[in-house]
PDB file of N, CA and C in Angstrom:
ATOM      1  N   MET A   1      26.152  -8.563  -9.705  1.00  0.00           N
ATOM      2  CA  MET A   1      25.180  -8.058 -10.649  1.00  0.00           C
ATOM      3  C   MET A   1      23.767  -8.481 -10.260  1.00  0.00           C
ATOM      4  N   LYS A   2      23.591  -9.744  -9.885  1.00  0.00           N
ATOM      5  CA  LYS A   2      22.257 -10.230  -9.527  1.00  0.00           C
ATOM      6  C   LYS A   2      21.762  -9.559  -8.253  1.00  0.00           C
ATOM      7  N   THR A   3      22.643  -9.364  -7.274  1.00  0.00           N
ATOM      8  CA  THR A   3      22.199  -8.755  -6.019  1.00  0.00           C
ATOM      9  C   THR A   3      21.808  -7.296  -6.237  1.00  0.00           C
ATOM     10  N   LYS A   4      22.506  -6.614  -7.153  1.00  0.00           N
ATOM     11  CA  LYS A   4      22.162  -5.226  -7.450  1.00  0.00           C
ATOM     12  C   LYS A   4      20.779  -5.137  -8.099  1.00  0.00           C
ATOM     13  N   LEU A   5      20.492  -6.055  -9.006  1.00  0.00           N
ATOM     14  CA  LEU A   5      19.167  -6.078  -9.636  1.00  0.00           C
ATOM     15  C   LEU A   5      18.086  -6.420  -8.627  1.00  0.00           C
ATOM     16  N   LYS A   6      18.375  -7.360  -7.726  1.00  0.00           N
ATOM     17  CA  LYS A   6      17.391  -7.719  -6.700  1.00  0.00           C
ATOM     18  C   LYS A   6      17.075  -6.522  -5.818  1.00  0.00           C
ATOM     19  N   ARG A   7      18.096  -5.741  -5.469  1.00  0.00           N
ATOM     20  CA  ARG A   7      17.857  -4.553  -4.645  1.00  0.00           C
ATOM     21  C   ARG A   7      17.017  -3.525  -5.385  1.00  0.00           C
ATOM     22  N   MET A   8      17.322  -3.316  -6.667  1.00  0.00           N
ATOM     23  CA  MET A   8      16.547  -2.351  -7.454  1.00  0.00           C
ATOM     24  C   MET A   8      15.091  -2.778  -7.575  1.00  0.00           C
ATOM     25  N   TYR A   9      14.857  -4.041  -7.899  1.00  0.00           N
ATOM     26  CA  TYR A   9      13.481  -4.537  -8.015  1.00  0.00           C
ATOM     27  C   TYR A   9      12.779  -4.522  -6.658  1.00  0.00           C
ATOM     28  N   GLY A  10      13.500  -4.827  -5.604  1.00  0.00           N
ATOM     29  CA  GLY A  10      12.914  -4.802  -4.273  1.00  0.00           C
ATOM     30  C   GLY A  10      12.456  -3.412  -3.889  1.00  0.00           C
ATOM     31  N   LYS A  11      13.276  -2.406  -4.192  1.00  0.00           N
ATOM     32  CA  LYS A  11      12.900  -1.024  -3.883  1.00  0.00           C
ATOM     33  C   LYS A  11      11.690  -0.592  -4.705  1.00  0.00           C
ATOM     34  N   ALA A  12      11.648  -1.006  -5.967  1.00  0.00           N
ATOM     35  CA  ALA A  12      10.522  -0.640  -6.824  1.00  0.00           C
ATOM     36  C   ALA A  12       9.226  -1.272  -6.332  1.00  0.00           C
ATOM     37  N   VAL A  13       9.295  -2.530  -5.963  1.00  0.00           N
ATOM     38  CA  VAL A  13       8.104  -3.229  -5.452  1.00  0.00           C
ATOM     39  C   VAL A  13       7.640  -2.587  -4.151  1.00  0.00           C
ATOM     40  N   LYS A  14       8.581  -2.195  -3.309  1.00  0.00           N
ATOM     41  CA  LYS A  14       8.237  -1.555  -2.033  1.00  0.00           C
ATOM     42  C   LYS A  14       7.518  -0.227  -2.270  1.00  0.00           C
ATOM     43  N   ARG A  15       8.007   0.579  -3.230  1.00  0.00           N
ATOM     44  CA  ARG A  15       7.361   1.862  -3.530  1.00  0.00           C
ATOM     45  C   ARG A  15       5.963   1.665  -4.097  1.00  0.00           C
ATOM     46  N   ILE A  16       5.806   0.692  -4.964  1.00  0.00           N
ATOM     47  CA  ILE A  16       4.496   0.420  -5.563  1.00  0.00           C
ATOM     48  C   ILE A  16       3.516  -0.064  -4.499  1.00  0.00           C
ATOM     49  N   ALA A  17       3.962  -0.972  -3.634  1.00  0.00           N
ATOM     50  CA  ALA A  17       3.091  -1.500  -2.582  1.00  0.00           C
ATOM     51  C   ALA A  17       2.659  -0.397  -1.627  1.00  0.00           C
ATOM     52  N   LYS A  18       3.579   0.485  -1.258  1.00  0.00           N
ATOM     53  CA  LYS A  18       3.223   1.575  -0.351  1.00  0.00           C
ATOM     54  C   LYS A  18       2.225   2.521  -1.016  1.00  0.00           C
ATOM     55  N   GLY A  19       2.391   2.779  -2.298  1.00  0.00           N
ATOM     56  CA  GLY A  19       1.445   3.628  -3.017  1.00  0.00           C
ATOM     57  C   GLY A  19       0.056   3.031  -3.056  1.00  0.00           C
ATOM     58  N   VAL A  20      -0.033   1.732  -3.248  1.00  0.00           N
ATOM     59  CA  VAL A  20      -1.334   1.058  -3.266  1.00  0.00           C
ATOM     60  C   VAL A  20      -1.990   1.133  -1.885  1.00  0.00           C
ATOM     61  N   VAL A  21      -1.217   0.918  -0.842  1.00  0.00           N
ATOM     62  CA  VAL A  21      -1.768   0.970   0.515  1.00  0.00           C
ATOM     63  C   VAL A  21      -2.263   2.378   0.833  1.00  0.00           C
ATOM     64  N   VAL A  22      -1.493   3.383   0.474  1.00  0.00           N
ATOM     65  CA  VAL A  22      -1.904   4.761   0.747  1.00  0.00           C
ATOM     66  C   VAL A  22      -3.191   5.090   0.004  1.00  0.00           C
ATOM     67  N   SER A  23      -3.321   4.663  -1.236  1.00  0.00           N
ATOM     68  CA  SER A  23      -4.555   4.951  -1.974  1.00  0.00           C
ATOM     69  C   SER A  23      -5.741   4.177  -1.398  1.00  0.00           C
ATOM     70  N   ASP A  24      -5.516   2.959  -0.922  1.00  0.00           N
ATOM     71  CA  ASP A  24      -6.598   2.185  -0.313  1.00  0.00           C
ATOM     72  C   ASP A  24      -7.050   2.787   1.016  1.00  0.00           C
ATOM     73  N   VAL A  25      -6.111   3.278   1.795  1.00  0.00           N
ATOM     74  CA  VAL A  25      -6.456   3.853   3.098  1.00  0.00           C
ATOM     75  C   VAL A  25      -7.261   5.130   2.923  1.00  0.00           C
ATOM     76  N   ASN A  26      -6.934   5.911   1.921  1.00  0.00           N
ATOM     77  CA  ASN A  26      -7.580   7.203   1.736  1.00  0.00           C
ATOM     78  C   ASN A  26      -8.836   7.153   0.875  1.00  0.00           C
ATOM     79  N   SER A  27      -9.317   5.972   0.547  1.00  0.00           N
ATOM     80  CA  SER A  27     -10.546   5.874  -0.231  1.00  0.00           C
ATOM     81  C   SER A  27     -11.543   4.961   0.473  1.00  0.00           C
ATOM     82  N   ALA A  28     -12.787   5.178   0.163  1.00  0.00           N
ATOM     83  CA  ALA A  28     -13.852   4.358   0.742  1.00  0.00           C
ATOM     84  C   ALA A  28     -14.322   3.340  -0.293  1.00  0.00           C
ATOM     85  N   CYS A  29     -14.922   2.288   0.182  1.00  0.00           N
ATOM     86  CA  CYS A  29     -15.439   1.250  -0.695  1.00  0.00           C
ATOM     87  C   CYS A  29     -16.691   1.768  -1.403  1.00  0.00           C
ATOM     88  N   PRO A  30     -16.832   1.512  -2.703  1.00  0.00           N
ATOM     89  CA  PRO A  30     -18.017   2.003  -3.413  1.00  0.00           C
ATOM     90  C   PRO A  30     -19.292   1.239  -3.057  1.00  0.00           C
ATOM     91  N   PHE A  31     -19.159   0.077  -2.488  1.00  0.00           N
ATOM     92  CA  PHE A  31     -20.323  -0.713  -2.102  1.00  0.00           C
ATOM     93  C   PHE A  31     -20.625  -0.489  -0.631  1.00  0.00           C
ATOM     94  N   ILE A  32     -21.871  -0.398  -0.300  1.00  0.00           N
ATOM     95  CA  ILE A  32     -22.282  -0.115   1.079  1.00  0.00           C
ATOM     96  C   ILE A  32     -22.033  -1.309   1.995  1.00  0.00           C
ATOM     97  N   THR A  33     -22.151  -2.501   1.466  1.00  0.00           N
ATOM     98  CA  THR A  33     -22.142  -3.684   2.327  1.00  0.00           C
ATOM     99  C   THR A  33     -20.757  -4.215   2.659  1.00  0.00           C
ATOM    100  N   TYR A  34     -19.712  -3.791   1.958  1.00  0.00           N
ATOM    101  CA  TYR A  34     -18.423  -4.401   2.200  1.00  0.00           C
ATOM    102  C   TYR A  34     -17.317  -3.358   2.287  1.00  0.00           C
ATOM    103  N   GLN A  35     -16.696  -3.260   3.430  1.00  0.00           N
ATOM    104  CA  GLN A  35     -15.516  -2.424   3.630  1.00  0.00           C
ATOM    105  C   GLN A  35     -14.512  -3.260   4.414  1.00  0.00           C
ATOM    106  N   PRO A  36     -13.429  -3.725   3.777  1.00  0.00           N
ATOM    107  CA  PRO A  36     -12.477  -4.585   4.477  1.00  0.00           C
ATOM    108  C   PRO A  36     -11.775  -3.850   5.617  1.00  0.00           C
ATOM    109  N   LYS A  37     -11.428  -4.578   6.653  1.00  0.00           N
ATOM    110  CA  LYS A  37     -10.719  -3.988   7.785  1.00  0.00           C
ATOM    111  C   LYS A  37      -9.256  -3.822   7.422  1.00  0.00           C
ATOM    112  N   LEU A  38      -8.712  -2.688   7.816  1.00  0.00           N
ATOM    113  CA  LEU A  38      -7.320  -2.386   7.515  1.00  0.00           C
ATOM    114  C   LEU A  38      -6.447  -2.676   8.738  1.00  0.00           C
ATOM    115  N   PRO A  39      -5.203  -3.040   8.518  1.00  0.00           N
ATOM    116  CA  PRO A  39      -4.280  -3.227   9.628  1.00  0.00           C
ATOM    117  C   PRO A  39      -4.006  -1.894  10.335  1.00  0.00           C
ATOM    118  N   LYS A  40      -3.585  -1.958  11.597  1.00  0.00           N
ATOM    119  CA  LYS A  40      -3.305  -0.740  12.364  1.00  0.00           C
ATOM    120  C   LYS A  40      -2.193   0.083  11.728  1.00  0.00           C
ATOM    121  N   ASN A  41      -1.199  -0.574  11.153  1.00  0.00           N
ATOM    122  CA  ASN A  41      -0.090   0.155  10.537  1.00  0.00           C
ATOM    123  C   ASN A  41      -0.545   0.945   9.319  1.00  0.00           C
ATOM    124  N   ALA A  42      -1.527   0.452   8.610  1.00  0.00           N
ATOM    125  CA  ALA A  42      -2.015   1.142   7.426  1.00  0.00           C
ATOM    126  C   ALA A  42      -2.786   2.407   7.798  1.00  0.00           C
ATOM    127  N   LYS A  43      -3.418   2.419   8.938  1.00  0.00           N
ATOM    128  CA  LYS A  43      -4.181   3.591   9.362  1.00  0.00           C
ATOM    129  C   LYS A  43      -3.281   4.782   9.624  1.00  0.00           C
ATOM    130  N   GLU A  44      -2.007   4.563   9.894  1.00  0.00           N
ATOM    131  CA  GLU A  44      -1.071   5.661  10.133  1.00  0.00           C
ATOM    132  C   GLU A  44      -0.788   6.438   8.844  1.00  0.00           C
ATOM    133  N   LEU A  45      -1.105   5.893   7.691  1.00  0.00           N
ATOM    134  CA  LEU A  45      -0.824   6.530   6.410  1.00  0.00           C
ATOM    135  C   LEU A  45      -1.963   7.408   5.919  1.00  0.00           C
ATOM    136  N   ARG A  46      -3.009   7.571   6.714  1.00  0.00           N
ATOM    137  CA  ARG A  46      -4.137   8.401   6.309  1.00  0.00           C
ATOM    138  C   ARG A  46      -3.735   9.837   6.170  1.00  0.00           C
ATOM    139  N   LYS A  47      -4.375  10.516   5.239  1.00  0.00           N
ATOM    140  CA  LYS A  47      -4.065  11.927   5.008  1.00  0.00           C
ATOM    141  C   LYS A  47      -5.187  12.845   5.460  1.00  0.00           C
ATOM    142  N   PHE A  48      -6.217  12.317   6.084  1.00  0.00           N
ATOM    143  CA  PHE A  48      -7.315  13.161   6.567  1.00  0.00           C
ATOM    144  C   PHE A  48      -7.554  12.925   8.018  1.00  0.00           C
TER     145      PHE A  48
END
């Protein structure tokens, strides 16, 4: 029972994290002076 719950929560966290990364990659920083560098793997998720 515990391992099944861990798998379900793990999958949910993975989907949420990927969604956050995709939204961060496809948006620009609103401030001119600061744009954090993204990892190379995150750049593959760009949609433009």
